[in-house]
C-alpha atoms as a PDB file:
ATOM      1  CA  UNK A   1      48.968 138.507  77.708  1.00  0.00           C
ATOM      2  CA  UNK A   2      47.161 137.810  81.117  1.00  0.00           C
ATOM      3  CA  UNK A   3      47.600 134.164  80.581  1.00  0.00           C
ATOM      4  CA  UNK A   4      51.348 134.473  79.856  1.00  0.00           C
ATOM      5  CA  UNK A   5      51.815 136.691  82.965  1.00  0.00           C
ATOM      6  CA  UNK A   6      50.029 134.068  84.999  1.00  0.00           C
ATOM      7  CA  UNK A   7      52.206 131.242  83.616  1.00  0.00           C
ATOM      8  CA  UNK A   8      55.360 133.265  84.397  1.00  0.00           C
ATOM      9  CA  UNK A   9      54.114 133.736  87.972  1.00  0.00           C
ATOM     10  CA  UNK A  10      53.164 130.176  88.577  1.00  0.00           C
ATOM     11  CA  UNK A  11      56.332 128.637  86.774  1.00  0.00           C
ATOM     12  CA  UNK A  12      59.193 131.175  87.469  1.00  0.00           C
ATOM     13  CA  UNK A  13      62.466 130.822  85.594  1.00  0.00           C
ATOM     14  CA  UNK A  14      64.879 128.911  87.760  1.00  0.00           C
ATOM     15  CA  UNK A  15      68.685 129.025  87.897  1.00  0.00           C
ATOM     16  CA  UNK A  16      68.645 125.522  86.201  1.00  0.00           C
ATOM     17  CA  UNK A  17      66.668 127.003  83.379  1.00  0.00           C
ATOM     18  CA  UNK A  18      69.181 129.703  82.761  1.00  0.00           C
ATOM     19  CA  UNK A  19      72.045 127.356  83.040  1.00  0.00           C
ATOM     20  CA  UNK A  20      70.400 125.057  80.529  1.00  0.00           C
ATOM     21  CA  UNK A  21      69.778 127.982  78.197  1.00  0.00           C
ATOM     22  CA  UNK A  22      73.339 129.080  78.286  1.00  0.00           C
ATOM     23  CA  UNK A  23      74.673 125.548  77.756  1.00  0.00           C
ATOM     24  CA  UNK A  24      72.532 125.156  74.755  1.00  0.00           C
ATOM     25  CA  UNK A  25      73.165 128.542  73.394  1.00  0.00           C
ATOM     26  CA  UNK A  26      76.976 128.805  73.112  1.00  0.00           C
ATOM     27  CA  UNK A  27      76.789 131.843  70.852  1.00  0.00           C
ATOM     28  CA  UNK A  28      74.921 133.791  73.503  1.00  0.00           C
ATOM     29  CA  UNK A  29      78.179 135.599  74.894  1.00  0.00           C
ATOM     30  CA  UNK A  30      79.393 136.146  71.207  1.00  0.00           C
ATOM     31  CA  UNK A  31      76.276 138.288  70.683  1.00  0.00           C
ATOM     32  CA  UNK A  32      76.585 139.829  74.238  1.00  0.00           C
ATOM     33  CA  UNK A  33      80.386 139.962  74.538  1.00  0.00           C
ATOM     34  CA  UNK A  34      80.046 143.069  76.757  1.00  0.00           C
ATOM     35  CA  UNK A  35      78.559 140.991  79.586  1.00  0.00           C
ATOM     36  CA  UNK A  36      81.757 139.005  80.170  1.00  0.00           C
ATOM     37  CA  UNK A  37      83.471 142.179  81.064  1.00  0.00           C
ATOM     38  CA  UNK A  38      80.750 143.136  83.724  1.00  0.00           C
ATOM     39  CA  UNK A  39      80.387 139.670  85.365  1.00  0.00           C
ATOM     40  CA  UNK A  40      82.312 139.665  88.602  1.00  0.00           C
ATOM     41  CA  UNK A  41      82.754 136.964  91.357  1.00  0.00           C
ATOM     42  CA  UNK A  42      84.012 137.004  95.026  1.00  0.00           C
ATOM     43  CA  UNK A  43      87.322 135.252  95.120  1.00  0.00           C
ATOM     44  CA  UNK A  44      87.476 132.589  97.804  1.00  0.00           C
ATOM     45  CA  UNK A  45      90.993 133.513  98.502  1.00  0.00           C
ATOM     46  CA  UNK A  46      91.182 137.201  98.561  1.00  0.00           C
ATOM     47  CA  UNK A  47      87.362 137.786  99.264  1.00  0.00           C
ATOM     48  CA  UNK A  48      87.305 140.601  96.726  1.00  0.00           C
ATOM     49  CA  UNK A  49      85.436 141.006  93.680  1.00  0.00           C
ATOM     50  CA  UNK A  50      87.261 139.602  90.611  1.00  0.00           C
ATOM     51  CA  UNK A  51      86.379 139.331  86.906  1.00  0.00           C
ATOM     52  CA  UNK A  52      85.199 136.203  85.179  1.00  0.00           C
ATOM     53  CA  UNK A  53      88.705 135.761  83.576  1.00  0.00           C
ATOM     54  CA  UNK A  54      90.490 136.100  86.851  1.00  0.00           C
ATOM     55  CA  UNK A  55      88.191 133.650  88.474  1.00  0.00           C
ATOM     56  CA  UNK A  56      88.664 131.262  85.650  1.00  0.00           C
ATOM     57  CA  UNK A  57      92.487 131.704  86.145  1.00  0.00           C
ATOM     58  CA  UNK A  58      92.066 130.888  89.824  1.00  0.00           C
ATOM     59  CA  UNK A  59      90.144 127.724  89.226  1.00  0.00           C
ATOM     60  CA  UNK A  60      92.780 126.702  86.706  1.00  0.00           C
ATOM     61  CA  UNK A  61      95.601 127.255  89.078  1.00  0.00           C
ATOM     62  CA  UNK A  62      93.627 125.251  91.833  1.00  0.00           C
ATOM     63  CA  UNK A  63      93.222 122.389  89.280  1.00  0.00           C
ATOM     64  CA  UNK A  64      96.853 122.444  88.358  1.00  0.00           C
ATOM     65  CA  UNK A  65      97.894 122.499  92.129  1.00  0.00           C
ATOM     66  CA  UNK A  66      95.661 119.507  92.737  1.00  0.00           C
ATOM     67  CA  UNK A  67      97.269 117.622  89.906  1.00  0.00           C
ATOM     68  CA  UNK A  68     100.683 118.411  91.152  1.00  0.00           C
ATOM     69  CA  UNK A  69      99.642 116.992  94.593  1.00  0.00           C
ATOM     70  CA  UNK A  70      98.384 113.803  93.007  1.00  0.00           C
ATOM     71  CA  UNK A  71     101.539 113.535  90.943  1.00  0.00           C
ATOM     72  CA  UNK A  72     103.682 113.826  94.007  1.00  0.00           C
ATOM     73  CA  UNK A  73     101.578 111.203  95.807  1.00  0.00           C
ATOM     74  CA  UNK A  74     102.173 108.831  92.854  1.00  0.00           C
ATOM     75  CA  UNK A  75     105.806 109.457  92.842  1.00  0.00           C
ATOM     76  CA  UNK A  76     106.077 108.924  96.647  1.00  0.00           C
ATOM     77  CA  UNK A  77     104.105 105.738  96.496  1.00  0.00           C
ATOM     78  CA  UNK A  78     106.243 104.631  93.650  1.00  0.00           C
ATOM     79  CA  UNK A  79     109.412 105.349  95.637  1.00  0.00           C
ATOM     80  CA  UNK A  80     107.897 103.495  98.657  1.00  0.00           C
ATOM     81  CA  UNK A  81     107.063 100.444  96.455  1.00  0.00           C
ATOM     82  CA  UNK A  82     110.710 100.259  95.154  1.00  0.00           C
ATOM     83  CA  UNK A  83     112.036 100.374  98.665  1.00  0.00           C
ATOM     84  CA  UNK A  84     109.750  97.783  99.723  1.00  0.00           C
ATOM     85  CA  UNK A  85     110.603  95.527  96.656  1.00  0.00           C
ATOM     86  CA  UNK A  86     114.354  95.987  97.466  1.00  0.00           C
ATOM     87  CA  UNK A  87     113.691  94.889 101.074  1.00  0.00           C
ATOM     88  CA  UNK A  88     111.686  91.802  99.912  1.00  0.00           C
ATOM     89  CA  UNK A  89     114.495  90.957  97.467  1.00  0.00           C
ATOM     90  CA  UNK A  90     117.186  91.217 100.048  1.00  0.00           C
ATOM     91  CA  UNK A  91     115.131  89.069 102.397  1.00  0.00           C
ATOM     92  CA  UNK A  92     114.523  86.341  99.774  1.00  0.00           C
ATOM     93  CA  UNK A  93     118.187  86.386  98.961  1.00  0.00           C
ATOM     94  CA  UNK A  94     119.166  85.747 102.567  1.00  0.00           C
ATOM     95  CA  UNK A  95     116.713  82.923 102.808  1.00  0.00           C
ATOM     96  CA  UNK A  96     118.182  81.195  99.696  1.00  0.00           C
ATOM     97  CA  UNK A  97     121.699  81.668 101.095  1.00  0.00           C
ATOM     98  CA  UNK A  98     120.828  79.916 104.441  1.00  0.00           C
ATOM     99  CA  UNK A  99     122.396  76.491 104.713  1.00  0.00           C
ATOM    100  CA  UNK A 100     121.608  75.734 108.303  1.00  0.00           C
ATOM    101  CA  UNK A 101     117.925  74.922 108.088  1.00  0.00           C
ATOM    102  CA  UNK A 102     117.471  74.809 111.918  1.00  0.00           C
ATOM    103  CA  UNK A 103     118.339  78.559 111.945  1.00  0.00           C
ATOM    104  CA  UNK A 104     115.667  79.465 109.441  1.00  0.00           C
ATOM    105  CA  UNK A 105     112.651  80.037 111.825  1.00  0.00           C
ATOM    106  CA  UNK A 106     114.724  82.474 114.040  1.00  0.00           C
ATOM    107  CA  UNK A 107     116.242  84.100 111.009  1.00  0.00           C
ATOM    108  CA  UNK A 108     112.730  84.652 109.438  1.00  0.00           C
ATOM    109  CA  UNK A 109     111.308  86.366 112.496  1.00  0.00           C
ATOM    110  CA  UNK A 110     114.367  88.445 113.071  1.00  0.00           C
ATOM    111  CA  UNK A 111     114.334  89.626 109.473  1.00  0.00           C
ATOM    112  CA  UNK A 112     110.911  90.496 109.494  1.00  0.00           C
ATOM    113  CA  UNK A 113     111.333  92.595 112.600  1.00  0.00           C
ATOM    114  CA  UNK A 114     114.325  94.571 111.260  1.00  0.00           C
ATOM    115  CA  UNK A 115     113.602  94.787 107.470  1.00  0.00           C
ATOM    116  CA  UNK A 116     109.913  95.696 107.756  1.00  0.00           C
ATOM    117  CA  UNK A 117     110.049  97.490 111.045  1.00  0.00           C
ATOM    118  CA  UNK A 118     107.455  95.181 112.867  1.00  0.00           C
ATOM    119  CA  UNK A 119     107.619  95.400 116.608  1.00  0.00           C
ATOM    120  CA  UNK A 120     107.060  91.821 117.375  1.00  0.00           C
ATOM    121  CA  UNK A 121     107.030  88.640 115.200  1.00  0.00           C
ATOM    122  CA  UNK A 122     106.118  85.235 116.328  1.00  0.00           C
ATOM    123  CA  UNK A 123     106.200  81.809 114.409  1.00  0.00           C
ATOM    124  CA  UNK A 124     104.969  78.320 115.090  1.00  0.00           C
ATOM    125  CA  UNK A 125     105.471  75.208 112.800  1.00  0.00           C
ATOM    126  CA  UNK A 126     103.945  71.749 112.998  1.00  0.00           C
ATOM    127  CA  UNK A 127     104.476  68.506 111.018  1.00  0.00           C
ATOM    128  CA  UNK A 128     108.213  69.119 110.696  1.00  0.00           C
ATOM    129  CA  UNK A 129     110.808  66.445 110.276  1.00  0.00           C
ATOM    130  CA  UNK A 130     111.932  64.729 113.345  1.00  0.00           C
ATOM    131  CA  UNK A 131     115.339  66.224 113.507  1.00  0.00           C
ATOM    132  CA  UNK A 132     113.577  69.769 113.812  1.00  0.00           C
ATOM    133  CA  UNK A 133     110.913  68.672 116.167  1.00  0.00           C
ATOM    134  CA  UNK A 134     112.905  70.236 119.143  1.00  0.00           C
ATOM    135  CA  UNK A 135     112.996  73.691 117.718  1.00  0.00           C
ATOM    136  CA  UNK A 136     111.347  76.512 119.991  1.00  0.00           C
ATOM    137  CA  UNK A 137     109.156  77.418 117.132  1.00  0.00           C
ATOM    138  CA  UNK A 138     107.461  73.916 117.042  1.00  0.00           C
ATOM    139  CA  UNK A 139     106.386  74.009 120.587  1.00  0.00           C
ATOM    140  CA  UNK A 140     103.142  75.082 122.349  1.00  0.00           C
ATOM    141  CA  UNK A 141     100.751  74.928 119.446  1.00  0.00           C
ATOM    142  CA  UNK A 142      97.123  73.621 120.271  1.00  0.00           C
ATOM    143  CA  UNK A 143      94.944  71.714 117.664  1.00  0.00           C
ATOM    144  CA  UNK A 144      92.704  74.749 117.649  1.00  0.00           C
ATOM    145  CA  UNK A 145      95.490  77.008 116.515  1.00  0.00           C
ATOM    146  CA  UNK A 146      96.309  74.440 113.700  1.00  0.00           C
ATOM    147  CA  UNK A 147      92.779  74.384 112.561  1.00  0.00           C
ATOM    148  CA  UNK A 148      92.474  78.045 112.607  1.00  0.00           C
ATOM    149  CA  UNK A 149      95.501  78.488 110.607  1.00  0.00           C
ATOM    150  CA  UNK A 150      94.274  76.152 107.879  1.00  0.00           C
ATOM    151  CA  UNK A 151      90.950  77.938 107.703  1.00  0.00           C
ATOM    152  CA  UNK A 152      92.736  81.212 106.650  1.00  0.00           C
ATOM    153  CA  UNK A 153      92.714  81.584 102.984  1.00  0.00           C
ATOM    154  CA  UNK A 154      94.522  85.051 103.278  1.00  0.00           C
ATOM    155  CA  UNK A 155      96.298  86.851 106.020  1.00  0.00           C
ATOM    156  CA  UNK A 156      94.142  88.060 108.790  1.00  0.00           C
ATOM    157  CA  UNK A 157      94.403  91.623 110.107  1.00  0.00           C
ATOM    158  CA  UNK A 158      92.587  93.243 112.985  1.00  0.00           C
ATOM    159  CA  UNK A 159      92.661  93.887 116.805  1.00  0.00           C
ATOM    160  CA  UNK A 160      93.819  91.604 119.364  1.00  0.00           C
ATOM    161  CA  UNK A 161      90.878  89.787 120.624  1.00  0.00           C
ATOM    162  CA  UNK A 162      92.716  87.102 122.655  1.00  0.00           C
ATOM    163  CA  UNK A 163      94.294  84.884 119.818  1.00  0.00           C
ATOM    164  CA  UNK A 164      96.404  81.997 120.963  1.00  0.00           C
ATOM    165  CA  UNK A 165      99.119  83.276 118.576  1.00  0.00           C
ATOM    166  CA  UNK A 166      99.637  86.397 120.756  1.00  0.00           C
ATOM    167  CA  UNK A 167     101.142  84.017 123.361  1.00  0.00           C
ATOM    168  CA  UNK A 168     103.896  83.290 120.920  1.00  0.00           C
ATOM    169  CA  UNK A 169     105.246  86.802 121.244  1.00  0.00           C
ATOM    170  CA  UNK A 170     107.856  88.260 123.652  1.00  0.00           C
ATOM    171  CA  UNK A 171     105.472  90.770 125.123  1.00  0.00           C
ATOM    172  CA  UNK A 172     101.860  89.789 124.561  1.00  0.00           C
ATOM    173  CA  UNK A 173     100.369  92.397 126.798  1.00  0.00           C
ATOM    174  CA  UNK A 174     101.653  95.015 124.362  1.00  0.00           C
ATOM    175  CA  UNK A 175      99.823  93.811 121.346  1.00  0.00           C
ATOM    176  CA  UNK A 176      96.844  95.917 120.134  1.00  0.00           C
ATOM    177  CA  UNK A 177      96.804  94.935 116.382  1.00  0.00           C
ATOM    178  CA  UNK A 178      98.092  91.972 114.677  1.00  0.00           C
ATOM    179  CA  UNK A 179      98.386  89.968 111.404  1.00  0.00           C
ATOM    180  CA  UNK A 180      98.024  86.345 111.168  1.00  0.00           C
ATOM    181  CA  UNK A 181      99.765  84.755 108.150  1.00  0.00           C
ATOM    182  CA  UNK A 182      99.122  81.082 107.334  1.00  0.00           C
ATOM    183  CA  UNK A 183     102.061  79.069 106.033  1.00  0.00           C
ATOM    184  CA  UNK A 184     101.272  76.363 103.568  1.00  0.00           C
ATOM    185  CA  UNK A 185     102.877  74.571 100.714  1.00  0.00           C
ATOM    186  CA  UNK A 186     101.062  76.114  97.768  1.00  0.00           C
ATOM    187  CA  UNK A 187     102.488  73.352  95.423  1.00  0.00           C
ATOM    188  CA  UNK A 188      99.905  71.119  97.113  1.00  0.00           C
ATOM    189  CA  UNK A 189      97.110  73.654  96.253  1.00  0.00           C
ATOM    190  CA  UNK A 190      95.692  76.765  97.716  1.00  0.00           C
ATOM    191  CA  UNK A 191      93.517  74.633 100.096  1.00  0.00           C
ATOM    192  CA  UNK A 192      96.405  72.686 101.498  1.00  0.00           C
ATOM    193  CA  UNK A 193      96.340  72.479 105.344  1.00  0.00           C
ATOM    194  CA  UNK A 194      98.771  75.001 106.902  1.00  0.00           C
ATOM    195  CA  UNK A 195     101.972  73.653 108.456  1.00  0.00           C
ATOM    196  CA  UNK A 196     102.677  76.936 110.440  1.00  0.00           C
ATOM    197  CA  UNK A 197     101.713  80.456 111.079  1.00  0.00           C
ATOM    198  CA  UNK A 198     103.384  83.948 111.335  1.00  0.00           C
ATOM    199  CA  UNK A 199     102.063  86.525 113.686  1.00  0.00           C
ATOM    200  CA  UNK A 200     103.041  90.123 113.224  1.00  0.00           C
ATOM    201  CA  UNK A 201     102.015  92.405 116.029  1.00  0.00           C
ATOM    202  CA  UNK A 202     102.079  96.072 117.055  1.00  0.00           C
ATOM    203  CA  UNK A 203     100.962  98.303 119.816  1.00  0.00           C
ATOM    204  CA  UNK A 204      99.414 100.679 117.154  1.00  0.00           C
ATOM    205  CA  UNK A 205      95.828  99.833 116.662  1.00  0.00           C
ATOM    206  CA  UNK A 206      96.032 101.121 113.023  1.00  0.00           C
ATOM    207  CA  UNK A 207      99.182  99.090 111.923  1.00  0.00           C
ATOM    208  CA  UNK A 208      97.239  96.038 110.975  1.00  0.00           C
ATOM    209  CA  UNK A 209      93.665  97.075 110.720  1.00  0.00           C
ATOM    210  CA  UNK A 210      90.813  95.055 109.155  1.00  0.00           C
ATOM    211  CA  UNK A 211      90.597  97.274 106.166  1.00  0.00           C
ATOM    212  CA  UNK A 212      94.142  97.185 104.918  1.00  0.00           C
ATOM    213  CA  UNK A 213      95.288  95.408 101.907  1.00  0.00           C
ATOM    214  CA  UNK A 214      97.040  91.947 102.426  1.00  0.00           C
ATOM    215  CA  UNK A 215      98.900  91.490  99.238  1.00  0.00           C
ATOM    216  CA  UNK A 216     102.141  92.355 100.749  1.00  0.00           C
ATOM    217  CA  UNK A 217     101.582  90.122 103.829  1.00  0.00           C
ATOM    218  CA  UNK A 218     100.620  87.281 101.364  1.00  0.00           C
ATOM    219  CA  UNK A 219     103.989  87.579  99.628  1.00  0.00           C
ATOM    220  CA  UNK A 220     105.764  87.398 103.037  1.00  0.00           C
ATOM    221  CA  UNK A 221     103.808  84.168 103.689  1.00  0.00           C
ATOM    222  CA  UNK A 222     104.664  82.719 100.436  1.00  0.00           C
ATOM    223  CA  UNK A 223     108.442  83.408 100.852  1.00  0.00           C
ATOM    224  CA  UNK A 224     108.334  82.061 104.368  1.00  0.00           C
ATOM    225  CA  UNK A 225     106.316  78.968 103.371  1.00  0.00           C
ATOM    226  CA  UNK A 226     108.765  78.244 100.685  1.00  0.00           C
ATOM    227  CA  UNK A 227     111.829  78.552 102.809  1.00  0.00           C
ATOM    228  CA  UNK A 228     110.367  76.733 105.859  1.00  0.00           C
ATOM    229  CA  UNK A 229     108.868  73.882 103.805  1.00  0.00           C
ATOM    230  CA  UNK A 230     112.420  72.482 103.752  1.00  0.00           C
ATOM    231  CA  UNK A 231     112.063  71.570 107.408  1.00  0.00           C
ATOM    232  CA  UNK A 232     109.160  69.193 106.733  1.00  0.00           C
END
């Protein structure tokens, strides 16, 4: 008896021991059903003592509320995606209907600003056909900018750290974050040299942050590349 008492003192029963016992003995409360009626908890909502059944009901309501919130978020994201898809479709249709190729660069930057609510959009092209070499969007591009555009395998998003492309915008001083989208003819392969670059800019530092997804920006680049490749 003394040995058992010493063992109990040196190895006291813990909460984990009790929890494991109850988990492995599911019929415990069947044999002691009266305990369920006496167990009480403090409700985190009313701060009063409630029964086990009430607490379980509260927890179930909390889970249902959380699921409802997640469903509403899914619906909202779904609606946003539908609206975004519609905007991209309208933009692609306008590009296909454009017959005046010399108007395409200006049309693309204006459409991105209005359709997707981007404060500033800039565009530069190089390697175009001679009849389009005088367009404003083909001027003032350094070799370094061309090499940089070709090095981008996906759109770049981040803070403005003095990129040359910021100078292509109407108000460079107002740029805090930006997205740089290379334009290349993907029919020549994903590693084909870029023939242009789009710059989307905002004064909001979080509009184009480094952790954001770039799938949507890549789609914009693909559509713009397909349309502008007709100027080469």
